[in-house]
Amino acid sequence: MAKGKDVRGTVILECTNCVRNGLNKELRGLSRYITQKNRHNTPSRLELIKFCPYCYKHTIHGEIKK
């Protein structure tokens, strides 16, 4: 039998500190991570603490739309 909807979806996490400060895009980049989440267990947006190589510290990375 085939599954109906895919329960585990791919999400993109983006550094909230870099976005909030509006860093210069030519000089510095924007930290993004790709991960998966279970949509039934976590219906709200995902936020994880990950390392940002542009801020040189651990910051909150929030889920963004594709």
PDB file of N, CA and C in Angstrom:
ATOM      1  N   MET A   1       0.838  -1.179   0.000  1.00  0.00           N
ATOM      2  CA  MET A   1       0.000   0.000   0.000  1.00  0.00           C
ATOM      3  C   MET A   1       0.882   1.241   0.000  1.00  0.00           C
ATOM      4  N   ALA A   2       0.412   2.237  -0.682  1.00  0.00           N
ATOM      5  CA  ALA A   2       1.157   3.488  -0.769  1.00  0.00           C
ATOM      6  C   ALA A   2       0.767   4.410   0.381  1.00  0.00           C
ATOM      7  N   LYS A   3       1.731   5.208   0.834  1.00  0.00           N
ATOM      8  CA  LYS A   3       1.454   6.190   1.876  1.00  0.00           C
ATOM      9  C   LYS A   3       0.686   7.367   1.278  1.00  0.00           C
ATOM     10  N   GLY A   4      -0.123   8.006   2.095  1.00  0.00           N
ATOM     11  CA  GLY A   4      -0.867   9.178   1.639  1.00  0.00           C
ATOM     12  C   GLY A   4       0.041  10.382   1.554  1.00  0.00           C
ATOM     13  N   LYS A   5       0.227  11.071   2.664  1.00  0.00           N
ATOM     14  CA  LYS A   5       1.107  12.237   2.703  1.00  0.00           C
ATOM     15  C   LYS A   5       2.421  11.862   3.369  1.00  0.00           C
ATOM     16  N   ASP A   6       3.465  12.538   2.980  1.00  0.00           N
ATOM     17  CA  ASP A   6       4.779  12.291   3.575  1.00  0.00           C
ATOM     18  C   ASP A   6       4.806  12.924   4.965  1.00  0.00           C
ATOM     19  N   VAL A   7       5.021  12.117   6.001  1.00  0.00           N
ATOM     20  CA  VAL A   7       5.006  12.618   7.377  1.00  0.00           C
ATOM     21  C   VAL A   7       6.265  13.423   7.669  1.00  0.00           C
ATOM     22  N   ARG A   8       7.425  12.907   7.244  1.00  0.00           N
ATOM     23  CA  ARG A   8       8.678  13.607   7.495  1.00  0.00           C
ATOM     24  C   ARG A   8       8.974  14.521   6.317  1.00  0.00           C
ATOM     25  N   GLY A   9       9.025  15.816   6.610  1.00  0.00           N
ATOM     26  CA  GLY A   9       9.283  16.783   5.554  1.00  0.00           C
ATOM     27  C   GLY A   9      10.635  17.447   5.730  1.00  0.00           C
ATOM     28  N   THR A  10      11.218  17.886   4.631  1.00  0.00           N
ATOM     29  CA  THR A  10      12.498  18.589   4.666  1.00  0.00           C
ATOM     30  C   THR A  10      12.254  20.052   4.984  1.00  0.00           C
ATOM     31  N   VAL A  11      13.025  20.600   5.933  1.00  0.00           N
ATOM     32  CA  VAL A  11      12.906  22.007   6.313  1.00  0.00           C
ATOM     33  C   VAL A  11      14.277  22.666   6.240  1.00  0.00           C
ATOM     34  N   ILE A  12      14.277  23.979   6.057  1.00  0.00           N
ATOM     35  CA  ILE A  12      15.512  24.758   6.007  1.00  0.00           C
ATOM     36  C   ILE A  12      15.554  25.651   7.240  1.00  0.00           C
ATOM     37  N   LEU A  13      16.665  25.602   7.968  1.00  0.00           N
ATOM     38  CA  LEU A  13      16.866  26.436   9.146  1.00  0.00           C
ATOM     39  C   LEU A  13      17.839  27.560   8.795  1.00  0.00           C
ATOM     40  N   GLU A  14      17.484  28.798   9.152  1.00  0.00           N
ATOM     41  CA  GLU A  14      18.294  29.960   8.822  1.00  0.00           C
ATOM     42  C   GLU A  14      18.637  30.717  10.104  1.00  0.00           C
ATOM     43  N   CYS A  15      19.845  31.258  10.172  1.00  0.00           N
ATOM     44  CA  CYS A  15      20.299  31.986  11.361  1.00  0.00           C
ATOM     45  C   CYS A  15      19.446  33.241  11.550  1.00  0.00           C
ATOM     46  N   THR A  16      18.833  33.371  12.721  1.00  0.00           N
ATOM     47  CA  THR A  16      17.993  34.534  12.991  1.00  0.00           C
ATOM     48  C   THR A  16      18.826  35.757  13.328  1.00  0.00           C
ATOM     49  N   ASN A  17      20.028  35.563  13.826  1.00  0.00           N
ATOM     50  CA  ASN A  17      20.887  36.691  14.182  1.00  0.00           C
ATOM     51  C   ASN A  17      21.391  37.413  12.933  1.00  0.00           C
ATOM     52  N   CYS A  18      21.791  36.689  11.914  1.00  0.00           N
ATOM     53  CA  CYS A  18      22.271  37.296  10.667  1.00  0.00           C
ATOM     54  C   CYS A  18      21.147  38.029   9.950  1.00  0.00           C
ATOM     55  N   VAL A  19      19.950  37.441   9.947  1.00  0.00           N
ATOM     56  CA  VAL A  19      18.807  38.052   9.266  1.00  0.00           C
ATOM     57  C   VAL A  19      18.380  39.313   9.994  1.00  0.00           C
ATOM     58  N   ARG A  20      18.336  39.270  11.308  1.00  0.00           N
ATOM     59  CA  ARG A  20      17.868  40.397  12.105  1.00  0.00           C
ATOM     60  C   ARG A  20      18.800  41.600  11.975  1.00  0.00           C
ATOM     61  N   ASN A  21      20.105  41.356  11.922  1.00  0.00           N
ATOM     62  CA  ASN A  21      21.068  42.452  11.848  1.00  0.00           C
ATOM     63  C   ASN A  21      21.219  43.006  10.435  1.00  0.00           C
ATOM     64  N   GLY A  22      20.698  42.314   9.424  1.00  0.00           N
ATOM     65  CA  GLY A  22      20.780  42.797   8.050  1.00  0.00           C
ATOM     66  C   GLY A  22      22.215  42.942   7.581  1.00  0.00           C
ATOM     67  N   LEU A  23      22.996  41.886   7.719  1.00  0.00           N
ATOM     68  CA  LEU A  23      24.406  41.932   7.368  1.00  0.00           C
ATOM     69  C   LEU A  23      24.594  42.167   5.882  1.00  0.00           C
ATOM     70  N   ASN A  24      25.728  42.749   5.534  1.00  0.00           N
ATOM     71  CA  ASN A  24      26.072  43.017   4.145  1.00  0.00           C
ATOM     72  C   ASN A  24      26.272  41.695   3.415  1.00  0.00           C
ATOM     73  N   LYS A  25      25.483  41.457   2.372  1.00  0.00           N
ATOM     74  CA  LYS A  25      25.509  40.162   1.683  1.00  0.00           C
ATOM     75  C   LYS A  25      26.793  39.951   0.888  1.00  0.00           C
ATOM     76  N   GLU A  26      27.458  41.027   0.441  1.00  0.00           N
ATOM     77  CA  GLU A  26      28.688  40.855  -0.323  1.00  0.00           C
ATOM     78  C   GLU A  26      29.844  40.397   0.560  1.00  0.00           C
ATOM     79  N   LEU A  27      29.900  40.916   1.786  1.00  0.00           N
ATOM     80  CA  LEU A  27      31.012  40.599   2.677  1.00  0.00           C
ATOM     81  C   LEU A  27      30.801  39.305   3.449  1.00  0.00           C
ATOM     82  N   ARG A  28      29.582  39.055   3.875  1.00  0.00           N
ATOM     83  CA  ARG A  28      29.316  37.894   4.703  1.00  0.00           C
ATOM     84  C   ARG A  28      28.145  37.119   4.145  1.00  0.00           C
ATOM     85  N   GLY A  29      28.058  35.872   4.518  1.00  0.00           N
ATOM     86  CA  GLY A  29      26.996  35.024   4.013  1.00  0.00           C
ATOM     87  C   GLY A  29      25.861  34.891   4.994  1.00  0.00           C
ATOM     88  N   LEU A  30      25.066  33.875   4.782  1.00  0.00           N
ATOM     89  CA  LEU A  30      23.924  33.599   5.620  1.00  0.00           C
ATOM     90  C   LEU A  30      23.932  32.107   5.924  1.00  0.00           C
ATOM     91  N   SER A  31      23.952  31.761   7.205  1.00  0.00           N
ATOM     92  CA  SER A  31      24.059  30.371   7.620  1.00  0.00           C
ATOM     93  C   SER A  31      22.720  29.664   7.457  1.00  0.00           C
ATOM     94  N   ARG A  32      22.723  28.538   6.738  1.00  0.00           N
ATOM     95  CA  ARG A  32      21.521  27.726   6.555  1.00  0.00           C
ATOM     96  C   ARG A  32      21.850  26.255   6.754  1.00  0.00           C
ATOM     97  N   TYR A  33      20.934  25.551   7.386  1.00  0.00           N
ATOM     98  CA  TYR A  33      21.041  24.107   7.584  1.00  0.00           C
ATOM     99  C   TYR A  33      19.796  23.455   7.005  1.00  0.00           C
ATOM    100  N   ILE A  34      19.931  22.241   6.483  1.00  0.00           N
ATOM    101  CA  ILE A  34      18.806  21.471   5.972  1.00  0.00           C
ATOM    102  C   ILE A  34      18.632  20.257   6.880  1.00  0.00           C
ATOM    103  N   THR A  35      17.393  20.027   7.339  1.00  0.00           N
ATOM    104  CA  THR A  35      17.100  18.910   8.227  1.00  0.00           C
ATOM    105  C   THR A  35      15.694  18.410   7.933  1.00  0.00           C
ATOM    106  N   GLN A  36      15.248  17.419   8.690  1.00  0.00           N
ATOM    107  CA  GLN A  36      13.903  16.876   8.544  1.00  0.00           C
ATOM    108  C   GLN A  36      13.173  16.968   9.870  1.00  0.00           C
ATOM    109  N   LYS A  37      11.834  17.059   9.792  1.00  0.00           N
ATOM    110  CA  LYS A  37      11.035  17.043  11.015  1.00  0.00           C
ATOM    111  C   LYS A  37       9.773  16.246  10.769  1.00  0.00           C
ATOM    112  N   ASN A  38       9.218  15.704  11.836  1.00  0.00           N
ATOM    113  CA  ASN A  38       7.971  14.968  11.782  1.00  0.00           C
ATOM    114  C   ASN A  38       6.833  15.978  11.903  1.00  0.00           C
ATOM    115  N   ARG A  39       6.031  16.104  10.862  1.00  0.00           N
ATOM    116  CA  ARG A  39       4.978  17.127  10.833  1.00  0.00           C
ATOM    117  C   ARG A  39       3.836  16.834  11.814  1.00  0.00           C
ATOM    118  N   HIS A  40       3.629  15.571  12.169  1.00  0.00           N
ATOM    119  CA  HIS A  40       2.573  15.239  13.129  1.00  0.00           C
ATOM    120  C   HIS A  40       2.986  15.605  14.552  1.00  0.00           C
ATOM    121  N   ASN A  41       4.229  15.359  14.924  1.00  0.00           N
ATOM    122  CA  ASN A  41       4.693  15.639  16.282  1.00  0.00           C
ATOM    123  C   ASN A  41       5.062  17.103  16.480  1.00  0.00           C
ATOM    124  N   THR A  42       5.506  17.788  15.421  1.00  0.00           N
ATOM    125  CA  THR A  42       5.945  19.180  15.522  1.00  0.00           C
ATOM    126  C   THR A  42       5.257  20.010  14.441  1.00  0.00           C
ATOM    127  N   PRO A  43       4.000  20.404  14.651  1.00  0.00           N
ATOM    128  CA  PRO A  43       3.310  21.180  13.621  1.00  0.00           C
ATOM    129  C   PRO A  43       3.776  22.637  13.555  1.00  0.00           C
ATOM    130  N   SER A  44       4.325  23.168  14.642  1.00  0.00           N
ATOM    131  CA  SER A  44       4.785  24.558  14.649  1.00  0.00           C
ATOM    132  C   SER A  44       6.174  24.656  14.013  1.00  0.00           C
ATOM    133  N   ARG A  45       6.647  25.873  13.849  1.00  0.00           N
ATOM    134  CA  ARG A  45       7.957  26.084  13.238  1.00  0.00           C
ATOM    135  C   ARG A  45       9.070  25.614  14.181  1.00  0.00           C
ATOM    136  N   LEU A  46      10.088  25.019  13.593  1.00  0.00           N
ATOM    137  CA  LEU A  46      11.193  24.437  14.337  1.00  0.00           C
ATOM    138  C   LEU A  46      12.266  25.489  14.583  1.00  0.00           C
ATOM    139  N   GLU A  47      12.833  25.516  15.794  1.00  0.00           N
ATOM    140  CA  GLU A  47      13.957  26.389  16.135  1.00  0.00           C
ATOM    141  C   GLU A  47      14.996  25.567  16.872  1.00  0.00           C
ATOM    142  N   LEU A  48      16.223  25.567  16.375  1.00  0.00           N
ATOM    143  CA  LEU A  48      17.321  24.827  16.996  1.00  0.00           C
ATOM    144  C   LEU A  48      18.520  25.746  17.166  1.00  0.00           C
ATOM    145  N   ILE A  49      19.342  25.452  18.155  1.00  0.00           N
ATOM    146  CA  ILE A  49      20.589  26.194  18.346  1.00  0.00           C
ATOM    147  C   ILE A  49      21.680  25.486  17.557  1.00  0.00           C
ATOM    148  N   LYS A  50      22.212  26.188  16.560  1.00  0.00           N
ATOM    149  CA  LYS A  50      23.250  25.644  15.689  1.00  0.00           C
ATOM    150  C   LYS A  50      24.391  26.655  15.615  1.00  0.00           C
ATOM    151  N   PHE A  51      25.553  26.201  15.119  1.00  0.00           N
ATOM    152  CA  PHE A  51      26.700  27.078  14.979  1.00  0.00           C
ATOM    153  C   PHE A  51      26.595  27.874  13.687  1.00  0.00           C
ATOM    154  N   CYS A  52      26.783  29.184  13.778  1.00  0.00           N
ATOM    155  CA  CYS A  52      26.783  30.064  12.605  1.00  0.00           C
ATOM    156  C   CYS A  52      28.229  30.460  12.316  1.00  0.00           C
ATOM    157  N   PRO A  53      28.781  30.057  11.167  1.00  0.00           N
ATOM    158  CA  PRO A  53      30.177  30.398  10.860  1.00  0.00           C
ATOM    159  C   PRO A  53      30.390  31.873  10.559  1.00  0.00           C
ATOM    160  N   TYR A  54      29.320  32.630  10.309  1.00  0.00           N
ATOM    161  CA  TYR A  54      29.446  34.055  10.009  1.00  0.00           C
ATOM    162  C   TYR A  54      29.376  34.901  11.276  1.00  0.00           C
ATOM    163  N   CYS A  55      28.646  34.428  12.285  1.00  0.00           N
ATOM    164  CA  CYS A  55      28.593  35.113  13.589  1.00  0.00           C
ATOM    165  C   CYS A  55      29.680  34.599  14.526  1.00  0.00           C
ATOM    166  N   TYR A  56      30.275  33.454  14.208  1.00  0.00           N
ATOM    167  CA  TYR A  56      31.299  32.785  15.025  1.00  0.00           C
ATOM    168  C   TYR A  56      30.792  32.409  16.404  1.00  0.00           C
ATOM    169  N   LYS A  57      29.512  32.007  16.492  1.00  0.00           N
ATOM    170  CA  LYS A  57      28.959  31.552  17.764  1.00  0.00           C
ATOM    171  C   LYS A  57      27.700  30.730  17.509  1.00  0.00           C
ATOM    172  N   HIS A  58      27.215  30.072  18.549  1.00  0.00           N
ATOM    173  CA  HIS A  58      25.983  29.305  18.462  1.00  0.00           C
ATOM    174  C   HIS A  58      24.800  30.264  18.570  1.00  0.00           C
ATOM    175  N   THR A  59      23.891  30.214  17.596  1.00  0.00           N
ATOM    176  CA  THR A  59      22.717  31.083  17.572  1.00  0.00           C
ATOM    177  C   THR A  59      21.481  30.251  17.272  1.00  0.00           C
ATOM    178  N   ILE A  60      20.325  30.874  17.413  1.00  0.00           N
ATOM    179  CA  ILE A  60      19.064  30.203  17.106  1.00  0.00           C
ATOM    180  C   ILE A  60      18.843  30.233  15.603  1.00  0.00           C
ATOM    181  N   HIS A  61      18.590  29.057  15.043  1.00  0.00           N
ATOM    182  CA  HIS A  61      18.264  28.934  13.623  1.00  0.00           C
ATOM    183  C   HIS A  61      16.789  28.546  13.532  1.00  0.00           C
ATOM    184  N   GLY A  62      15.996  29.357  12.829  1.00  0.00           N
ATOM    185  CA  GLY A  62      14.567  29.128  12.715  1.00  0.00           C
ATOM    186  C   GLY A  62      14.192  28.598  11.337  1.00  0.00           C
ATOM    187  N   GLU A  63      13.071  27.920  11.290  1.00  0.00           N
ATOM    188  CA  GLU A  63      12.570  27.349  10.045  1.00  0.00           C
ATOM    189  C   GLU A  63      12.048  28.449   9.131  1.00  0.00           C
ATOM    190  N   ILE A  64      12.371  28.331   7.835  1.00  0.00           N
ATOM    191  CA  ILE A  64      11.876  29.302   6.851  1.00  0.00           C
ATOM    192  C   ILE A  64      11.070  28.550   5.799  1.00  0.00           C
ATOM    193  N   LYS A  65      10.312  29.306   4.994  1.00  0.00           N
ATOM    194  CA  LYS A  65       9.553  28.706   3.904  1.00  0.00           C
ATOM    195  C   LYS A  65      10.477  28.381   2.764  1.00  0.00           C
ATOM    196  N   LYS A  66      10.133  27.368   1.990  1.00  0.00           N
ATOM    197  CA  LYS A  66      10.931  26.989   0.823  1.00  0.00           C
ATOM    198  C   LYS A  66      10.594  27.878  -0.340  1.00  0.00           C
TER     199      LYS A  66
END
